[in-house]
Amino acid sequence: MMSAVLIALPVSRIVGLALGAVIIAAAVLTVLRHREFTHLVPLSVFVAVIALAEISF
């Protein structure tokens, strides 16, 4: 939730995107560790959205 608030505010957008990337990276590593590969699809969508937000900024 904090990441979404930080992304929404223009002043702290970079910090919010970095925090969101760290959270998603931890989730991807957890999914890979537990070999739940079907859960990678939604996570890859979040990775793509964060990447697009970073490029558009």
PDB file of N, CA and C in Angstrom:
ATOM      1  N   MET A   1       0.820  -1.182   0.000  1.00  0.00           N
ATOM      2  CA  MET A   1       0.000   0.000   0.000  1.00  0.00           C
ATOM      3  C   MET A   1       0.873   1.258   0.000  1.00  0.00           C
ATOM      4  N   MET A   2       1.947   1.220   0.763  1.00  0.00           N
ATOM      5  CA  MET A   2       2.827   2.384   0.839  1.00  0.00           C
ATOM      6  C   MET A   2       3.467   2.674  -0.516  1.00  0.00           C
ATOM      7  N   SER A   3       3.800   1.624  -1.239  1.00  0.00           N
ATOM      8  CA  SER A   3       4.393   1.802  -2.555  1.00  0.00           C
ATOM      9  C   SER A   3       3.421   2.513  -3.497  1.00  0.00           C
ATOM     10  N   ALA A   4       2.153   2.150  -3.438  1.00  0.00           N
ATOM     11  CA  ALA A   4       1.148   2.779  -4.295  1.00  0.00           C
ATOM     12  C   ALA A   4       0.990   4.260  -3.968  1.00  0.00           C
ATOM     13  N   VAL A   5       1.031   4.593  -2.693  1.00  0.00           N
ATOM     14  CA  VAL A   5       0.926   5.995  -2.289  1.00  0.00           C
ATOM     15  C   VAL A   5       2.141   6.768  -2.781  1.00  0.00           C
ATOM     16  N   LEU A   6       3.330   6.175  -2.640  1.00  0.00           N
ATOM     17  CA  LEU A   6       4.542   6.854  -3.086  1.00  0.00           C
ATOM     18  C   LEU A   6       4.560   7.043  -4.605  1.00  0.00           C
ATOM     19  N   ILE A   7       4.053   6.069  -5.345  1.00  0.00           N
ATOM     20  CA  ILE A   7       4.000   6.185  -6.804  1.00  0.00           C
ATOM     21  C   ILE A   7       2.995   7.255  -7.218  1.00  0.00           C
ATOM     22  N   ALA A   8       1.912   7.380  -6.483  1.00  0.00           N
ATOM     23  CA  ALA A   8       0.873   8.347  -6.836  1.00  0.00           C
ATOM     24  C   ALA A   8       1.330   9.793  -6.660  1.00  0.00           C
ATOM     25  N   LEU A   9       2.235  10.025  -5.729  1.00  0.00           N
ATOM     26  CA  LEU A   9       2.718  11.385  -5.486  1.00  0.00           C
ATOM     27  C   LEU A   9       3.909  11.685  -6.395  1.00  0.00           C
ATOM     28  N   PRO A  10       3.837  12.739  -7.187  1.00  0.00           N
ATOM     29  CA  PRO A  10       4.922  13.021  -8.137  1.00  0.00           C
ATOM     30  C   PRO A  10       6.287  13.230  -7.473  1.00  0.00           C
ATOM     31  N   VAL A  11       6.310  13.769  -6.281  1.00  0.00           N
ATOM     32  CA  VAL A  11       7.570  14.049  -5.601  1.00  0.00           C
ATOM     33  C   VAL A  11       8.318  12.767  -5.229  1.00  0.00           C
ATOM     34  N   SER A  12       7.583  11.733  -4.865  1.00  0.00           N
ATOM     35  CA  SER A  12       8.202  10.497  -4.375  1.00  0.00           C
ATOM     36  C   SER A  12       8.017   9.324  -5.340  1.00  0.00           C
ATOM     37  N   ARG A  13       7.767   9.604  -6.599  1.00  0.00           N
ATOM     38  CA  ARG A  13       7.491   8.543  -7.566  1.00  0.00           C
ATOM     39  C   ARG A  13       8.669   7.588  -7.738  1.00  0.00           C
ATOM     40  N   ILE A  14       9.886   8.101  -7.790  1.00  0.00           N
ATOM     41  CA  ILE A  14      11.071   7.247  -7.973  1.00  0.00           C
ATOM     42  C   ILE A  14      11.228   6.294  -6.787  1.00  0.00           C
ATOM     43  N   VAL A  15      11.038   6.800  -5.590  1.00  0.00           N
ATOM     44  CA  VAL A  15      11.147   5.961  -4.391  1.00  0.00           C
ATOM     45  C   VAL A  15      10.057   4.887  -4.401  1.00  0.00           C
ATOM     46  N   GLY A  16       8.858   5.260  -4.791  1.00  0.00           N
ATOM     47  CA  GLY A  16       7.758   4.301  -4.861  1.00  0.00           C
ATOM     48  C   GLY A  16       8.004   3.206  -5.883  1.00  0.00           C
ATOM     49  N   LEU A  17       8.546   3.579  -7.044  1.00  0.00           N
ATOM     50  CA  LEU A  17       8.852   2.590  -8.067  1.00  0.00           C
ATOM     51  C   LEU A  17       9.957   1.643  -7.606  1.00  0.00           C
ATOM     52  N   ALA A  18      10.957   2.185  -6.918  1.00  0.00           N
ATOM     53  CA  ALA A  18      12.030   1.341  -6.397  1.00  0.00           C
ATOM     54  C   ALA A  18      11.503   0.386  -5.332  1.00  0.00           C
ATOM     55  N   LEU A  19      10.663   0.886  -4.450  1.00  0.00           N
ATOM     56  CA  LEU A  19      10.069   0.031  -3.419  1.00  0.00           C
ATOM     57  C   LEU A  19       9.194  -1.050  -4.044  1.00  0.00           C
ATOM     58  N   GLY A  20       8.415  -0.686  -5.038  1.00  0.00           N
ATOM     59  CA  GLY A  20       7.579  -1.671  -5.734  1.00  0.00           C
ATOM     60  C   GLY A  20       8.409  -2.731  -6.436  1.00  0.00           C
ATOM     61  N   ALA A  21       9.527  -2.319  -7.027  1.00  0.00           N
ATOM     62  CA  ALA A  21      10.407  -3.278  -7.697  1.00  0.00           C
ATOM     63  C   ALA A  21      11.024  -4.252  -6.704  1.00  0.00           C
ATOM     64  N   VAL A  22      11.408  -3.762  -5.535  1.00  0.00           N
ATOM     65  CA  VAL A  22      11.974  -4.645  -4.503  1.00  0.00           C
ATOM     66  C   VAL A  22      10.921  -5.639  -4.008  1.00  0.00           C
ATOM     67  N   ILE A  23       9.712  -5.175  -3.822  1.00  0.00           N
ATOM     68  CA  ILE A  23       8.635  -6.056  -3.356  1.00  0.00           C
ATOM     69  C   ILE A  23       8.340  -7.141  -4.391  1.00  0.00           C
ATOM     70  N   ILE A  24       8.244  -6.769  -5.652  1.00  0.00           N
ATOM     71  CA  ILE A  24       7.964  -7.740  -6.706  1.00  0.00           C
ATOM     72  C   ILE A  24       9.130  -8.714  -6.874  1.00  0.00           C
ATOM     73  N   ALA A  25      10.362  -8.219  -6.763  1.00  0.00           N
ATOM     74  CA  ALA A  25      11.528  -9.105  -6.862  1.00  0.00           C
ATOM     75  C   ALA A  25      11.519 -10.139  -5.748  1.00  0.00           C
ATOM     76  N   ALA A  26      11.170  -9.725  -4.541  1.00  0.00           N
ATOM     77  CA  ALA A  26      11.084 -10.670  -3.425  1.00  0.00           C
ATOM     78  C   ALA A  26       9.984 -11.700  -3.673  1.00  0.00           C
ATOM     79  N   ALA A  27       8.871 -11.254  -4.240  1.00  0.00           N
ATOM     80  CA  ALA A  27       7.777 -12.182  -4.537  1.00  0.00           C
ATOM     81  C   ALA A  27       8.188 -13.184  -5.610  1.00  0.00           C
ATOM     82  N   VAL A  28       8.901 -12.727  -6.640  1.00  0.00           N
ATOM     83  CA  VAL A  28       9.356 -13.622  -7.711  1.00  0.00           C
ATOM     84  C   VAL A  28      10.333 -14.661  -7.139  1.00  0.00           C
ATOM     85  N   LEU A  29      11.265 -14.214  -6.320  1.00  0.00           N
ATOM     86  CA  LEU A  29      12.217 -15.151  -5.720  1.00  0.00           C
ATOM     87  C   LEU A  29      11.517 -16.168  -4.829  1.00  0.00           C
ATOM     88  N   THR A  30      10.514 -15.735  -4.093  1.00  0.00           N
ATOM     89  CA  THR A  30       9.761 -16.657  -3.241  1.00  0.00           C
ATOM     90  C   THR A  30       9.012 -17.691  -4.082  1.00  0.00           C
ATOM     91  N   VAL A  31       8.387 -17.243  -5.162  1.00  0.00           N
ATOM     92  CA  VAL A  31       7.658 -18.159  -6.040  1.00  0.00           C
ATOM     93  C   VAL A  31       8.617 -19.165  -6.675  1.00  0.00           C
ATOM     94  N   LEU A  32       9.770 -18.689  -7.118  1.00  0.00           N
ATOM     95  CA  LEU A  32      10.749 -19.599  -7.721  1.00  0.00           C
ATOM     96  C   LEU A  32      11.292 -20.591  -6.693  1.00  0.00           C
ATOM     97  N   ARG A  33      11.503 -20.123  -5.484  1.00  0.00           N
ATOM     98  CA  ARG A  33      12.024 -21.008  -4.431  1.00  0.00           C
ATOM     99  C   ARG A  33      11.048 -22.137  -4.112  1.00  0.00           C
ATOM    100  N   HIS A  34       9.765 -21.826  -4.114  1.00  0.00           N
ATOM    101  CA  HIS A  34       8.746 -22.822  -3.803  1.00  0.00           C
ATOM    102  C   HIS A  34       8.229 -23.550  -5.044  1.00  0.00           C
ATOM    103  N   ARG A  35       8.803 -23.244  -6.195  1.00  0.00           N
ATOM    104  CA  ARG A  35       8.474 -23.893  -7.466  1.00  0.00           C
ATOM    105  C   ARG A  35       6.983 -23.827  -7.812  1.00  0.00           C
ATOM    106  N   GLU A  36       6.397 -22.692  -7.575  1.00  0.00           N
ATOM    107  CA  GLU A  36       5.001 -22.443  -7.939  1.00  0.00           C
ATOM    108  C   GLU A  36       4.978 -21.605  -9.215  1.00  0.00           C
ATOM    109  N   PHE A  37       5.369 -22.217 -10.309  1.00  0.00           N
ATOM    110  CA  PHE A  37       5.597 -21.491 -11.551  1.00  0.00           C
ATOM    111  C   PHE A  37       4.335 -20.876 -12.145  1.00  0.00           C
ATOM    112  N   THR A  38       3.177 -21.390 -11.799  1.00  0.00           N
ATOM    113  CA  THR A  38       1.939 -20.816 -12.336  1.00  0.00           C
ATOM    114  C   THR A  38       1.683 -19.419 -11.774  1.00  0.00           C
ATOM    115  N   HIS A  39       2.302 -19.092 -10.651  1.00  0.00           N
ATOM    116  CA  HIS A  39       2.114 -17.784 -10.050  1.00  0.00           C
ATOM    117  C   HIS A  39       3.042 -16.725 -10.646  1.00  0.00           C
ATOM    118  N   LEU A  40       3.891 -17.115 -11.568  1.00  0.00           N
ATOM    119  CA  LEU A  40       4.796 -16.155 -12.184  1.00  0.00           C
ATOM    120  C   LEU A  40       4.098 -15.253 -13.199  1.00  0.00           C
ATOM    121  N   VAL A  41       2.990 -15.712 -13.745  1.00  0.00           N
ATOM    122  CA  VAL A  41       2.281 -14.920 -14.763  1.00  0.00           C
ATOM    123  C   VAL A  41       1.782 -13.590 -14.191  1.00  0.00           C
ATOM    124  N   PRO A  42       1.057 -13.585 -13.077  1.00  0.00           N
ATOM    125  CA  PRO A  42       0.624 -12.287 -12.539  1.00  0.00           C
ATOM    126  C   PRO A  42       1.802 -11.405 -12.111  1.00  0.00           C
ATOM    127  N   LEU A  43       2.846 -12.020 -11.587  1.00  0.00           N
ATOM    128  CA  LEU A  43       4.014 -11.247 -11.177  1.00  0.00           C
ATOM    129  C   LEU A  43       4.706 -10.611 -12.372  1.00  0.00           C
ATOM    130  N   SER A  44       4.707 -11.316 -13.494  1.00  0.00           N
ATOM    131  CA  SER A  44       5.335 -10.741 -14.686  1.00  0.00           C
ATOM    132  C   SER A  44       4.538  -9.542 -15.201  1.00  0.00           C
ATOM    133  N   VAL A  45       3.243  -9.553 -14.991  1.00  0.00           N
ATOM    134  CA  VAL A  45       2.422  -8.393 -15.360  1.00  0.00           C
ATOM    135  C   VAL A  45       2.824  -7.185 -14.515  1.00  0.00           C
ATOM    136  N   PHE A  46       3.016  -7.404 -13.211  1.00  0.00           N
ATOM    137  CA  PHE A  46       3.443  -6.310 -12.340  1.00  0.00           C
ATOM    138  C   PHE A  46       4.826  -5.795 -12.721  1.00  0.00           C
ATOM    139  N   VAL A  47       5.715  -6.691 -13.098  1.00  0.00           N
ATOM    140  CA  VAL A  47       7.055  -6.282 -13.533  1.00  0.00           C
ATOM    141  C   VAL A  47       6.946  -5.412 -14.782  1.00  0.00           C
ATOM    142  N   ALA A  48       6.095  -5.810 -15.711  1.00  0.00           N
ATOM    143  CA  ALA A  48       5.915  -5.032 -16.940  1.00  0.00           C
ATOM    144  C   ALA A  48       5.316  -3.654 -16.652  1.00  0.00           C
ATOM    145  N   VAL A  49       4.365  -3.588 -15.739  1.00  0.00           N
ATOM    146  CA  VAL A  49       3.746  -2.311 -15.406  1.00  0.00           C
ATOM    147  C   VAL A  49       4.747  -1.384 -14.718  1.00  0.00           C
ATOM    148  N   ILE A  50       5.560  -1.922 -13.821  1.00  0.00           N
ATOM    149  CA  ILE A  50       6.577  -1.105 -13.167  1.00  0.00           C
ATOM    150  C   ILE A  50       7.602  -0.623 -14.187  1.00  0.00           C
ATOM    151  N   ALA A  51       7.994  -1.492 -15.115  1.00  0.00           N
ATOM    152  CA  ALA A  51       8.950  -1.088 -16.150  1.00  0.00           C
ATOM    153  C   ALA A  51       8.373   0.008 -17.039  1.00  0.00           C
ATOM    154  N   LEU A  52       7.100  -0.108 -17.408  1.00  0.00           N
ATOM    155  CA  LEU A  52       6.470   0.931 -18.214  1.00  0.00           C
ATOM    156  C   LEU A  52       6.354   2.253 -17.459  1.00  0.00           C
ATOM    157  N   ALA A  53       6.073   2.167 -16.173  1.00  0.00           N
ATOM    158  CA  ALA A  53       5.992   3.382 -15.372  1.00  0.00           C
ATOM    159  C   ALA A  53       7.349   4.054 -15.264  1.00  0.00           C
ATOM    160  N   GLU A  54       8.395   3.250 -15.139  1.00  0.00           N
ATOM    161  CA  GLU A  54       9.743   3.807 -15.053  1.00  0.00           C
ATOM    162  C   GLU A  54      10.155   4.450 -16.373  1.00  0.00           C
ATOM    163  N   ILE A  55       9.798   3.825 -17.486  1.00  0.00           N
ATOM    164  CA  ILE A  55      10.151   4.376 -18.795  1.00  0.00           C
ATOM    165  C   ILE A  55       9.375   5.669 -19.065  1.00  0.00           C
ATOM    166  N   SER A  56       8.129   5.700 -18.684  1.00  0.00           N
ATOM    167  CA  SER A  56       7.310   6.879 -18.957  1.00  0.00           C
ATOM    168  C   SER A  56       7.682   8.068 -18.084  1.00  0.00           C
ATOM    169  N   PHE A  57       8.373   7.813 -16.990  1.00  0.00           N
ATOM    170  CA  PHE A  57       8.782   8.901 -16.108  1.00  0.00           C
ATOM    171  C   PHE A  57      10.051   9.465 -16.645  1.00  0.00           C
TER     172      PHE A  57
END
